Amino acid sequence: KNTMYLQMNSLKPDDTARYFCAGDGRNF
């Protein structure tokens, strides 16, 4: 599905932020 996920449980106020997805095309 060309999709990545982040399941976030037990969230805390310190988790407040803007969350960014990142990817890379280099084959290591």
mmCIF file of all heavy atoms, coordinates in Angstrom:
data_MODEL
# 
_entry.id   MODEL 
# 
loop_
_atom_site.group_PDB 
_atom_site.id 
_atom_site.type_symbol 
_atom_site.label_atom_id 
_atom_site.label_alt_id 
_atom_site.label_comp_id 
_atom_site.label_asym_id 
_atom_site.label_entity_id 
_atom_site.label_seq_id 
_atom_site.pdbx_PDB_ins_code 
_atom_site.Cartn_x 
_atom_site.Cartn_y 
_atom_site.Cartn_z 
_atom_site.occupancy 
_atom_site.B_iso_or_equiv 
_atom_site.pdbx_formal_charge 
_atom_site.auth_seq_id 
_atom_site.auth_comp_id 
_atom_site.auth_asym_id 
_atom_site.auth_atom_id 
_atom_site.pdbx_PDB_model_num 
ATOM 1   N N   . LYS A 1 1  ? 0.826  -1.213 0.000  1.00 0.00 ? 1  LYS A N   1 
ATOM 2   C CA  . LYS A 1 1  ? 0.000  0.000  0.000  1.00 0.00 ? 1  LYS A CA  1 
ATOM 3   C C   . LYS A 1 1  ? 0.859  1.262  0.000  1.00 0.00 ? 1  LYS A C   1 
ATOM 4   O O   . LYS A 1 1  ? 0.322  2.371  0.072  1.00 0.00 ? 1  LYS A O   1 
ATOM 5   C CB  . LYS A 1 1  ? -0.909 0.018  1.231  1.00 0.00 ? 1  LYS A CB  1 
ATOM 6   C CG  . LYS A 1 1  ? -1.940 -1.104 1.243  1.00 0.00 ? 1  LYS A CG  1 
ATOM 7   C CD  . LYS A 1 1  ? -2.843 -1.002 2.467  1.00 0.00 ? 1  LYS A CD  1 
ATOM 8   C CE  . LYS A 1 1  ? -3.892 -2.095 2.445  1.00 0.00 ? 1  LYS A CE  1 
ATOM 9   N NZ  . LYS A 1 1  ? -4.777 -2.025 3.647  1.00 0.00 ? 1  LYS A NZ  1 
ATOM 10  N N   . ASN A 1 2  ? 2.179  1.096  -0.047 1.00 0.00 ? 2  ASN A N   1 
ATOM 11  C CA  . ASN A 1 2  ? 3.098  2.234  -0.019 1.00 0.00 ? 2  ASN A CA  1 
ATOM 12  C C   . ASN A 1 2  ? 2.808  3.156  1.168  1.00 0.00 ? 2  ASN A C   1 
ATOM 13  O O   . ASN A 1 2  ? 2.814  4.387  1.043  1.00 0.00 ? 2  ASN A O   1 
ATOM 14  C CB  . ASN A 1 2  ? 3.000  3.038  -1.321 1.00 0.00 ? 2  ASN A CB  1 
ATOM 15  C CG  . ASN A 1 2  ? 3.408  2.225  -2.522 1.00 0.00 ? 2  ASN A CG  1 
ATOM 16  O OD1 . ASN A 1 2  ? 4.408  1.507  -2.477 1.00 0.00 ? 2  ASN A OD1 1 
ATOM 17  N ND2 . ASN A 1 2  ? 2.640  2.312  -3.592 1.00 0.00 ? 2  ASN A ND2 1 
ATOM 18  N N   . THR A 1 3  ? 2.570  2.558  2.310  1.00 0.00 ? 3  THR A N   1 
ATOM 19  C CA  . THR A 1 3  ? 2.179  3.330  3.488  1.00 0.00 ? 3  THR A CA  1 
ATOM 20  C C   . THR A 1 3  ? 2.952  2.872  4.719  1.00 0.00 ? 3  THR A C   1 
ATOM 21  O O   . THR A 1 3  ? 3.190  1.677  4.910  1.00 0.00 ? 3  THR A O   1 
ATOM 22  C CB  . THR A 1 3  ? 0.672  3.187  3.743  1.00 0.00 ? 3  THR A CB  1 
ATOM 23  O OG1 . THR A 1 3  ? -0.050 3.613  2.582  1.00 0.00 ? 3  THR A OG1 1 
ATOM 24  C CG2 . THR A 1 3  ? 0.236  4.045  4.925  1.00 0.00 ? 3  THR A CG2 1 
ATOM 25  N N   . MET A 1 4  ? 3.330  3.852  5.517  1.00 0.00 ? 4  MET A N   1 
ATOM 26  C CA  . MET A 1 4  ? 3.986  3.587  6.796  1.00 0.00 ? 4  MET A CA  1 
ATOM 27  C C   . MET A 1 4  ? 3.071  4.089  7.905  1.00 0.00 ? 4  MET A C   1 
ATOM 28  O O   . MET A 1 4  ? 2.311  5.046  7.687  1.00 0.00 ? 4  MET A O   1 
ATOM 29  C CB  . MET A 1 4  ? 5.336  4.313  6.850  1.00 0.00 ? 4  MET A CB  1 
ATOM 30  C CG  . MET A 1 4  ? 6.086  4.164  8.158  1.00 0.00 ? 4  MET A CG  1 
ATOM 31  S SD  . MET A 1 4  ? 7.689  5.003  8.163  1.00 0.00 ? 4  MET A SD  1 
ATOM 32  C CE  . MET A 1 4  ? 7.209  6.713  8.020  1.00 0.00 ? 4  MET A CE  1 
ATOM 33  N N   . TYR A 1 5  ? 3.162  3.462  9.067  1.00 0.00 ? 5  TYR A N   1 
ATOM 34  C CA  . TYR A 1 5  ? 2.283  3.830  10.178 1.00 0.00 ? 5  TYR A CA  1 
ATOM 35  C C   . TYR A 1 5  ? 3.089  4.081  11.445 1.00 0.00 ? 5  TYR A C   1 
ATOM 36  O O   . TYR A 1 5  ? 4.204  3.574  11.606 1.00 0.00 ? 5  TYR A O   1 
ATOM 37  C CB  . TYR A 1 5  ? 1.279  2.702  10.450 1.00 0.00 ? 5  TYR A CB  1 
ATOM 38  C CG  . TYR A 1 5  ? 0.478  2.289  9.249  1.00 0.00 ? 5  TYR A CG  1 
ATOM 39  C CD1 . TYR A 1 5  ? 0.867  1.205  8.473  1.00 0.00 ? 5  TYR A CD1 1 
ATOM 40  C CD2 . TYR A 1 5  ? -0.661 2.991  8.875  1.00 0.00 ? 5  TYR A CD2 1 
ATOM 41  C CE1 . TYR A 1 5  ? 0.142  0.822  7.361  1.00 0.00 ? 5  TYR A CE1 1 
ATOM 42  C CE2 . TYR A 1 5  ? -1.398 2.613  7.758  1.00 0.00 ? 5  TYR A CE2 1 
ATOM 43  C CZ  . TYR A 1 5  ? -0.990 1.533  7.011  1.00 0.00 ? 5  TYR A CZ  1 
ATOM 44  O OH  . TYR A 1 5  ? -1.708 1.157  5.901  1.00 0.00 ? 5  TYR A OH  1 
ATOM 45  N N   . LEU A 1 6  ? 2.493  4.834  12.352 1.00 0.00 ? 6  LEU A N   1 
ATOM 46  C CA  . LEU A 1 6  ? 3.042  5.000  13.690 1.00 0.00 ? 6  LEU A CA  1 
ATOM 47  C C   . LEU A 1 6  ? 1.879  4.901  14.669 1.00 0.00 ? 6  LEU A C   1 
ATOM 48  O O   . LEU A 1 6  ? 1.044  5.814  14.753 1.00 0.00 ? 6  LEU A O   1 
ATOM 49  C CB  . LEU A 1 6  ? 3.765  6.333  13.853 1.00 0.00 ? 6  LEU A CB  1 
ATOM 50  C CG  . LEU A 1 6  ? 4.468  6.511  15.201 1.00 0.00 ? 6  LEU A CG  1 
ATOM 51  C CD1 . LEU A 1 6  ? 5.664  5.540  15.307 1.00 0.00 ? 6  LEU A CD1 1 
ATOM 52  C CD2 . LEU A 1 6  ? 4.950  7.953  15.375 1.00 0.00 ? 6  LEU A CD2 1 
ATOM 53  N N   . GLN A 1 7  ? 1.798  3.776  15.364 1.00 0.00 ? 7  GLN A N   1 
ATOM 54  C CA  . GLN A 1 7  ? 0.782  3.601  16.387 1.00 0.00 ? 7  GLN A CA  1 
ATOM 55  C C   . GLN A 1 7  ? 1.324  4.175  17.682 1.00 0.00 ? 7  GLN A C   1 
ATOM 56  O O   . GLN A 1 7  ? 2.369  3.724  18.166 1.00 0.00 ? 7  GLN A O   1 
ATOM 57  C CB  . GLN A 1 7  ? 0.444  2.120  16.566 1.00 0.00 ? 7  GLN A CB  1 
ATOM 58  C CG  . GLN A 1 7  ? -0.576 1.841  17.658 1.00 0.00 ? 7  GLN A CG  1 
ATOM 59  C CD  . GLN A 1 7  ? -1.951 2.409  17.335 1.00 0.00 ? 7  GLN A CD  1 
ATOM 60  O OE1 . GLN A 1 7  ? -2.426 2.300  16.212 1.00 0.00 ? 7  GLN A OE1 1 
ATOM 61  N NE2 . GLN A 1 7  ? -2.587 3.010  18.326 1.00 0.00 ? 7  GLN A NE2 1 
ATOM 62  N N   . MET A 1 8  ? 0.614  5.149  18.232 1.00 0.00 ? 8  MET A N   1 
ATOM 63  C CA  . MET A 1 8  ? 1.072  5.841  19.436 1.00 0.00 ? 8  MET A CA  1 
ATOM 64  C C   . MET A 1 8  ? 0.088  5.583  20.563 1.00 0.00 ? 8  MET A C   1 
ATOM 65  O O   . MET A 1 8  ? -1.086 5.972  20.473 1.00 0.00 ? 8  MET A O   1 
ATOM 66  C CB  . MET A 1 8  ? 1.196  7.345  19.164 1.00 0.00 ? 8  MET A CB  1 
ATOM 67  C CG  . MET A 1 8  ? 2.076  7.676  17.978 1.00 0.00 ? 8  MET A CG  1 
ATOM 68  S SD  . MET A 1 8  ? 2.352  9.441  17.772 1.00 0.00 ? 8  MET A SD  1 
ATOM 69  C CE  . MET A 1 8  ? 0.695  9.996  17.403 1.00 0.00 ? 8  MET A CE  1 
ATOM 70  N N   . ASN A 1 9  ? 0.544  4.898  21.586 1.00 0.00 ? 9  ASN A N   1 
ATOM 71  C CA  . ASN A 1 9  ? -0.284 4.586  22.754 1.00 0.00 ? 9  ASN A CA  1 
ATOM 72  C C   . ASN A 1 9  ? 0.272  5.286  23.987 1.00 0.00 ? 9  ASN A C   1 
ATOM 73  O O   . ASN A 1 9  ? 1.424  5.727  23.998 1.00 0.00 ? 9  ASN A O   1 
ATOM 74  C CB  . ASN A 1 9  ? -0.309 3.083  22.986 1.00 0.00 ? 9  ASN A CB  1 
ATOM 75  C CG  . ASN A 1 9  ? -0.920 2.317  21.831 1.00 0.00 ? 9  ASN A CG  1 
ATOM 76  O OD1 . ASN A 1 9  ? -1.799 2.816  21.126 1.00 0.00 ? 9  ASN A OD1 1 
ATOM 77  N ND2 . ASN A 1 9  ? -0.460 1.094  21.617 1.00 0.00 ? 9  ASN A ND2 1 
ATOM 78  N N   . SER A 1 10 ? -0.544 5.355  25.027 1.00 0.00 ? 10 SER A N   1 
ATOM 79  C CA  . SER A 1 10 ? -0.130 5.975  26.293 1.00 0.00 ? 10 SER A CA  1 
ATOM 80  C C   . SER A 1 10 ? 0.496  7.338  26.057 1.00 0.00 ? 10 SER A C   1 
ATOM 81  O O   . SER A 1 10 ? 1.571  7.643  26.587 1.00 0.00 ? 10 SER A O   1 
ATOM 82  C CB  . SER A 1 10 ? 0.858  5.054  27.018 1.00 0.00 ? 10 SER A CB  1 
ATOM 83  O OG  . SER A 1 10 ? 0.275  3.790  27.259 1.00 0.00 ? 10 SER A OG  1 
ATOM 84  N N   . LEU A 1 11 ? -0.167 8.144  25.277 1.00 0.00 ? 11 LEU A N   1 
ATOM 85  C CA  . LEU A 1 11 ? 0.393  9.442  24.911 1.00 0.00 ? 11 LEU A CA  1 
ATOM 86  C C   . LEU A 1 11 ? 0.515  10.366 26.123 1.00 0.00 ? 11 LEU A C   1 
ATOM 87  O O   . LEU A 1 11 ? -0.304 10.324 27.050 1.00 0.00 ? 11 LEU A O   1 
ATOM 88  C CB  . LEU A 1 11 ? -0.471 10.100 23.846 1.00 0.00 ? 11 LEU A CB  1 
ATOM 89  C CG  . LEU A 1 11 ? -0.252 9.536  22.436 1.00 0.00 ? 11 LEU A CG  1 
ATOM 90  C CD1 . LEU A 1 11 ? -1.412 9.866  21.518 1.00 0.00 ? 11 LEU A CD1 1 
ATOM 91  C CD2 . LEU A 1 11 ? 1.059  10.046 21.852 1.00 0.00 ? 11 LEU A CD2 1 
ATOM 92  N N   . LYS A 1 12 ? 1.565  11.178 26.089 1.00 0.00 ? 12 LYS A N   1 
ATOM 93  C CA  . LYS A 1 12 ? 1.861  12.118 27.163 1.00 0.00 ? 12 LYS A CA  1 
ATOM 94  C C   . LYS A 1 12 ? 1.880  13.539 26.592 1.00 0.00 ? 12 LYS A C   1 
ATOM 95  O O   . LYS A 1 12 ? 2.132  13.729 25.396 1.00 0.00 ? 12 LYS A O   1 
ATOM 96  C CB  . LYS A 1 12 ? 3.236  11.810 27.754 1.00 0.00 ? 12 LYS A CB  1 
ATOM 97  C CG  . LYS A 1 12 ? 3.423  10.388 28.233 1.00 0.00 ? 12 LYS A CG  1 
ATOM 98  C CD  . LYS A 1 12 ? 4.864  10.158 28.671 1.00 0.00 ? 12 LYS A CD  1 
ATOM 99  C CE  . LYS A 1 12 ? 5.092  8.743  29.131 1.00 0.00 ? 12 LYS A CE  1 
ATOM 100 N NZ  . LYS A 1 12 ? 6.508  8.516  29.530 1.00 0.00 ? 12 LYS A NZ  1 
ATOM 101 N N   . PRO A 1 13 ? 1.671  14.534 27.424 1.00 0.00 ? 13 PRO A N   1 
ATOM 102 C CA  . PRO A 1 13 ? 1.756  15.921 26.932 1.00 0.00 ? 13 PRO A CA  1 
ATOM 103 C C   . PRO A 1 13 ? 3.099  16.217 26.256 1.00 0.00 ? 13 PRO A C   1 
ATOM 104 O O   . PRO A 1 13 ? 3.145  17.000 25.304 1.00 0.00 ? 13 PRO A O   1 
ATOM 105 C CB  . PRO A 1 13 ? 1.570  16.746 28.209 1.00 0.00 ? 13 PRO A CB  1 
ATOM 106 C CG  . PRO A 1 13 ? 0.695  15.892 29.067 1.00 0.00 ? 13 PRO A CG  1 
ATOM 107 C CD  . PRO A 1 13 ? 1.153  14.487 28.803 1.00 0.00 ? 13 PRO A CD  1 
ATOM 108 N N   . ASP A 1 14 ? 4.169  15.570 26.712 1.00 0.00 ? 14 ASP A N   1 
ATOM 109 C CA  . ASP A 1 14 ? 5.492  15.772 26.101 1.00 0.00 ? 14 ASP A CA  1 
ATOM 110 C C   . ASP A 1 14 ? 5.564  15.240 24.679 1.00 0.00 ? 14 ASP A C   1 
ATOM 111 O O   . ASP A 1 14 ? 6.522  15.535 23.960 1.00 0.00 ? 14 ASP A O   1 
ATOM 112 C CB  . ASP A 1 14 ? 6.585  15.096 26.934 1.00 0.00 ? 14 ASP A CB  1 
ATOM 113 C CG  . ASP A 1 14 ? 6.921  15.888 28.189 1.00 0.00 ? 14 ASP A CG  1 
ATOM 114 O OD1 . ASP A 1 14 ? 6.460  17.051 28.294 1.00 0.00 ? 14 ASP A OD1 1 
ATOM 115 O OD2 . ASP A 1 14 ? 7.626  15.353 29.063 1.00 0.00 ? 14 ASP A OD2 1 
ATOM 116 N N   . ASP A 1 15 ? 4.594  14.454 24.264 1.00 0.00 ? 15 ASP A N   1 
ATOM 117 C CA  . ASP A 1 15 ? 4.564  13.955 22.887 1.00 0.00 ? 15 ASP A CA  1 
ATOM 118 C C   . ASP A 1 15 ? 3.979  14.985 21.921 1.00 0.00 ? 15 ASP A C   1 
ATOM 119 O O   . ASP A 1 15 ? 3.972  14.763 20.699 1.00 0.00 ? 15 ASP A O   1 
ATOM 120 C CB  . ASP A 1 15 ? 3.738  12.671 22.795 1.00 0.00 ? 15 ASP A CB  1 
ATOM 121 C CG  . ASP A 1 15 ? 4.363  11.522 23.566 1.00 0.00 ? 15 ASP A CG  1 
ATOM 122 O OD1 . ASP A 1 15 ? 5.594  11.359 23.495 1.00 0.00 ? 15 ASP A OD1 1 
ATOM 123 O OD2 . ASP A 1 15 ? 3.607  10.786 24.235 1.00 0.00 ? 15 ASP A OD2 1 
ATOM 124 N N   . THR A 1 16 ? 3.478  16.080 22.445 1.00 0.00 ? 16 THR A N   1 
ATOM 125 C CA  . THR A 1 16 ? 2.914  17.129 21.601 1.00 0.00 ? 16 THR A CA  1 
ATOM 126 C C   . THR A 1 16 ? 3.989  17.694 20.677 1.00 0.00 ? 16 THR A C   1 
ATOM 127 O O   . THR A 1 16 ? 5.041  18.135 21.121 1.00 0.00 ? 16 THR A O   1 
ATOM 128 C CB  . THR A 1 16 ? 2.333  18.261 22.467 1.00 0.00 ? 16 THR A CB  1 
ATOM 129 O OG1 . THR A 1 16 ? 1.225  17.756 23.206 1.00 0.00 ? 16 THR A OG1 1 
ATOM 130 C CG2 . THR A 1 16 ? 1.876  19.425 21.604 1.00 0.00 ? 16 THR A CG2 1 
ATOM 131 N N   . ALA A 1 17 ? 3.718  17.616 19.375 1.00 0.00 ? 17 ALA A N   1 
ATOM 132 C CA  . ALA A 1 17 ? 4.694  18.068 18.374 1.00 0.00 ? 17 ALA A CA  1 
ATOM 133 C C   . ALA A 1 17 ? 4.081  17.917 16.986 1.00 0.00 ? 17 ALA A C   1 
ATOM 134 O O   . ALA A 1 17 ? 3.010  17.327 16.834 1.00 0.00 ? 17 ALA A O   1 
ATOM 135 C CB  . ALA A 1 17 ? 5.968  17.233 18.461 1.00 0.00 ? 17 ALA A CB  1 
ATOM 136 N N   . ARG A 1 18 ? 4.796  18.427 16.024 1.00 0.00 ? 18 ARG A N   1 
ATOM 137 C CA  . ARG A 1 18 ? 4.448  18.159 14.637 1.00 0.00 ? 18 ARG A CA  1 
ATOM 138 C C   . ARG A 1 18 ? 5.269  16.939 14.215 1.00 0.00 ? 18 ARG A C   1 
ATOM 139 O O   . ARG A 1 18 ? 6.501  16.925 14.393 1.00 0.00 ? 18 ARG A O   1 
ATOM 140 C CB  . ARG A 1 18 ? 4.759  19.352 13.746 1.00 0.00 ? 18 ARG A CB  1 
ATOM 141 C CG  . ARG A 1 18 ? 4.169  19.215 12.349 1.00 0.00 ? 18 ARG A CG  1 
ATOM 142 C CD  . ARG A 1 18 ? 4.087  20.548 11.637 1.00 0.00 ? 18 ARG A CD  1 
ATOM 143 N NE  . ARG A 1 18 ? 3.366  20.440 10.387 1.00 0.00 ? 18 ARG A NE  1 
ATOM 144 C CZ  . ARG A 1 18 ? 2.037  20.506 10.295 1.00 0.00 ? 18 ARG A CZ  1 
ATOM 145 N NH1 . ARG A 1 18 ? 1.304  20.720 11.378 1.00 0.00 ? 18 ARG A NH1 1 
ATOM 146 N NH2 . ARG A 1 18 ? 1.445  20.409 9.109  1.00 0.00 ? 18 ARG A NH2 1 
ATOM 147 N N   . TYR A 1 19 ? 4.595  15.933 13.681 1.00 0.00 ? 19 TYR A N   1 
ATOM 148 C CA  . TYR A 1 19 ? 5.236  14.684 13.322 1.00 0.00 ? 19 TYR A CA  1 
ATOM 149 C C   . TYR A 1 19 ? 5.455  14.630 11.815 1.00 0.00 ? 19 TYR A C   1 
ATOM 150 O O   . TYR A 1 19 ? 4.531  14.850 11.035 1.00 0.00 ? 19 TYR A O   1 
ATOM 151 C CB  . TYR A 1 19 ? 4.388  13.502 13.778 1.00 0.00 ? 19 TYR A CB  1 
ATOM 152 C CG  . TYR A 1 19 ? 4.488  13.267 15.272 1.00 0.00 ? 19 TYR A CG  1 
ATOM 153 C CD1 . TYR A 1 19 ? 3.919  14.153 16.177 1.00 0.00 ? 19 TYR A CD1 1 
ATOM 154 C CD2 . TYR A 1 19 ? 5.161  12.161 15.773 1.00 0.00 ? 19 TYR A CD2 1 
ATOM 155 C CE1 . TYR A 1 19 ? 4.035  13.959 17.546 1.00 0.00 ? 19 TYR A CE1 1 
ATOM 156 C CE2 . TYR A 1 19 ? 5.273  11.947 17.145 1.00 0.00 ? 19 TYR A CE2 1 
ATOM 157 C CZ  . TYR A 1 19 ? 4.707  12.855 18.015 1.00 0.00 ? 19 TYR A CZ  1 
ATOM 158 O OH  . TYR A 1 19 ? 4.823  12.650 19.373 1.00 0.00 ? 19 TYR A OH  1 
ATOM 159 N N   . PHE A 1 20 ? 6.685  14.297 11.451 1.00 0.00 ? 20 PHE A N   1 
ATOM 160 C CA  . PHE A 1 20 ? 7.076  14.262 10.048 1.00 0.00 ? 20 PHE A CA  1 
ATOM 161 C C   . PHE A 1 20 ? 7.437  12.848 9.616  1.00 0.00 ? 20 PHE A C   1 
ATOM 162 O O   . PHE A 1 20 ? 8.150  12.131 10.333 1.00 0.00 ? 20 PHE A O   1 
ATOM 163 C CB  . PHE A 1 20 ? 8.288  15.161 9.818  1.00 0.00 ? 20 PHE A CB  1 
ATOM 164 C CG  . PHE A 1 20 ? 8.028  16.615 10.081 1.00 0.00 ? 20 PHE A CG  1 
ATOM 165 C CD1 . PHE A 1 20 ? 8.185  17.140 11.347 1.00 0.00 ? 20 PHE A CD1 1 
ATOM 166 C CD2 . PHE A 1 20 ? 7.625  17.456 9.054  1.00 0.00 ? 20 PHE A CD2 1 
ATOM 167 C CE1 . PHE A 1 20 ? 7.940  18.487 11.594 1.00 0.00 ? 20 PHE A CE1 1 
ATOM 168 C CE2 . PHE A 1 20 ? 7.383  18.800 9.281  1.00 0.00 ? 20 PHE A CE2 1 
ATOM 169 C CZ  . PHE A 1 20 ? 7.535  19.317 10.559 1.00 0.00 ? 20 PHE A CZ  1 
ATOM 170 N N   . CYS A 1 21 ? 7.000  12.514 8.428  1.00 0.00 ? 21 CYS A N   1 
ATOM 171 C CA  . CYS A 1 21 ? 7.362  11.252 7.788  1.00 0.00 ? 21 CYS A CA  1 
ATOM 172 C C   . CYS A 1 21 ? 8.577  11.502 6.895  1.00 0.00 ? 21 CYS A C   1 
ATOM 173 O O   . CYS A 1 21 ? 8.668  12.553 6.236  1.00 0.00 ? 21 CYS A O   1 
ATOM 174 C CB  . CYS A 1 21 ? 6.177  10.775 6.952  1.00 0.00 ? 21 CYS A CB  1 
ATOM 175 S SG  . CYS A 1 21 ? 6.544  9.503  5.750  1.00 0.00 ? 21 CYS A SG  1 
ATOM 176 N N   . ALA A 1 22 ? 9.490  10.552 6.869  1.00 0.00 ? 22 ALA A N   1 
ATOM 177 C CA  . ALA A 1 22 ? 10.677 10.687 6.027  1.00 0.00 ? 22 ALA A CA  1 
ATOM 178 C C   . ALA A 1 22 ? 10.984 9.367  5.348  1.00 0.00 ? 22 ALA A C   1 
ATOM 179 O O   . ALA A 1 22 ? 10.738 8.295  5.907  1.00 0.00 ? 22 ALA A O   1 
ATOM 180 C CB  . ALA A 1 22 ? 11.867 11.132 6.866  1.00 0.00 ? 22 ALA A CB  1 
ATOM 181 N N   . GLY A 1 23 ? 11.530 9.456  4.149  1.00 0.00 ? 23 GLY A N   1 
ATOM 182 C CA  . GLY A 1 23 ? 11.929 8.259  3.411  1.00 0.00 ? 23 GLY A CA  1 
ATOM 183 C C   . GLY A 1 23 ? 13.189 8.531  2.621  1.00 0.00 ? 23 GLY A C   1 
ATOM 184 O O   . GLY A 1 23 ? 13.591 9.684  2.440  1.00 0.00 ? 23 GLY A O   1 
ATOM 185 N N   . ASP A 1 24 ? 13.810 7.490  2.152  1.00 0.00 ? 24 ASP A N   1 
ATOM 186 C CA  . ASP A 1 24 ? 15.045 7.653  1.389  1.00 0.00 ? 24 ASP A CA  1 
ATOM 187 C C   . ASP A 1 24 ? 15.143 6.611  0.298  1.00 0.00 ? 24 ASP A C   1 
ATOM 188 O O   . ASP A 1 24 ? 14.682 5.482  0.476  1.00 0.00 ? 24 ASP A O   1 
ATOM 189 C CB  . ASP A 1 24 ? 16.252 7.562  2.316  1.00 0.00 ? 24 ASP A CB  1 
ATOM 190 C CG  . ASP A 1 24 ? 17.503 8.052  1.635  1.00 0.00 ? 24 ASP A CG  1 
ATOM 191 O OD1 . ASP A 1 24 ? 17.666 9.295  1.537  1.00 0.00 ? 24 ASP A OD1 1 
ATOM 192 O OD2 . ASP A 1 24 ? 18.313 7.228  1.203  1.00 0.00 ? 24 ASP A OD2 1 
ATOM 193 N N   . GLY A 1 25 ? 15.747 6.992  -0.817 1.00 0.00 ? 25 GLY A N   1 
ATOM 194 C CA  . GLY A 1 25 ? 15.834 6.114  -1.969 1.00 0.00 ? 25 GLY A CA  1 
ATOM 195 C C   . GLY A 1 25 ? 17.153 5.388  -2.119 1.00 0.00 ? 25 GLY A C   1 
ATOM 196 O O   . GLY A 1 25 ? 17.333 4.630  -3.068 1.00 0.00 ? 25 GLY A O   1 
ATOM 197 N N   . ARG A 1 26 ? 18.077 5.577  -1.187 1.00 0.00 ? 26 ARG A N   1 
ATOM 198 C CA  . ARG A 1 26 ? 19.373 4.916  -1.307 1.00 0.00 ? 26 ARG A CA  1 
ATOM 199 C C   . ARG A 1 26 ? 19.289 3.499  -0.750 1.00 0.00 ? 26 ARG A C   1 
ATOM 200 O O   . ARG A 1 26 ? 18.793 3.283  0.351  1.00 0.00 ? 26 ARG A O   1 
ATOM 201 C CB  . ARG A 1 26 ? 20.442 5.726  -0.575 1.00 0.00 ? 26 ARG A CB  1 
ATOM 202 C CG  . ARG A 1 26 ? 20.804 7.004  -1.308 1.00 0.00 ? 26 ARG A CG  1 
ATOM 203 C CD  . ARG A 1 26 ? 21.621 7.921  -0.459 1.00 0.00 ? 26 ARG A CD  1 
ATOM 204 N NE  . ARG A 1 26 ? 20.821 8.510  0.601  1.00 0.00 ? 26 ARG A NE  1 
ATOM 205 C CZ  . ARG A 1 26 ? 21.287 9.397  1.461  1.00 0.00 ? 26 ARG A CZ  1 
ATOM 206 N NH1 . ARG A 1 26 ? 22.554 9.794  1.395  1.00 0.00 ? 26 ARG A NH1 1 
ATOM 207 N NH2 . ARG A 1 26 ? 20.503 9.894  2.393  1.00 0.00 ? 26 ARG A NH2 1 
ATOM 208 N N   . ASN A 1 27 ? 19.801 2.545  -1.502 1.00 0.00 ? 27 ASN A N   1 
ATOM 209 C CA  . ASN A 1 27 ? 19.711 1.138  -1.148 1.00 0.00 ? 27 ASN A CA  1 
ATOM 210 C C   . ASN A 1 27 ? 20.928 0.710  -0.346 1.00 0.00 ? 27 ASN A C   1 
ATOM 211 O O   . ASN A 1 27 ? 21.982 0.411  -0.900 1.00 0.00 ? 27 ASN A O   1 
ATOM 212 C CB  . ASN A 1 27 ? 19.563 0.298  -2.418 1.00 0.00 ? 27 ASN A CB  1 
ATOM 213 C CG  . ASN A 1 27 ? 19.382 -1.173 -2.107 1.00 0.00 ? 27 ASN A CG  1 
ATOM 214 O OD1 . ASN A 1 27 ? 19.338 -1.573 -0.947 1.00 0.00 ? 27 ASN A OD1 1 
ATOM 215 N ND2 . ASN A 1 27 ? 19.270 -1.974 -3.146 1.00 0.00 ? 27 ASN A ND2 1 
ATOM 216 N N   . PHE A 1 28 ? 20.758 0.652  0.972  1.00 0.00 ? 28 PHE A N   1 
ATOM 217 C CA  . PHE A 1 28 ? 21.800 0.118  1.852  1.00 0.00 ? 28 PHE A CA  1 
ATOM 218 C C   . PHE A 1 28 ? 21.423 -1.272 2.341  1.00 0.00 ? 28 PHE A C   1 
ATOM 219 O O   . PHE A 1 28 ? 21.988 -1.785 3.295  1.00 0.00 ? 28 PHE A O   1 
ATOM 220 C CB  . PHE A 1 28 ? 22.008 1.050  3.053  1.00 0.00 ? 28 PHE A CB  1 
ATOM 221 C CG  . PHE A 1 28 ? 22.502 2.418  2.678  1.00 0.00 ? 28 PHE A CG  1 
ATOM 222 C CD1 . PHE A 1 28 ? 21.795 3.555  3.021  1.00 0.00 ? 28 PHE A CD1 1 
ATOM 223 C CD2 . PHE A 1 28 ? 23.681 2.574  1.960  1.00 0.00 ? 28 PHE A CD2 1 
ATOM 224 C CE1 . PHE A 1 28 ? 22.238 4.811  2.668  1.00 0.00 ? 28 PHE A CE1 1 
ATOM 225 C CE2 . PHE A 1 28 ? 24.141 3.825  1.598  1.00 0.00 ? 28 PHE A CE2 1 
ATOM 226 C CZ  . PHE A 1 28 ? 23.414 4.950  1.965  1.00 0.00 ? 28 PHE A CZ  1 
# 
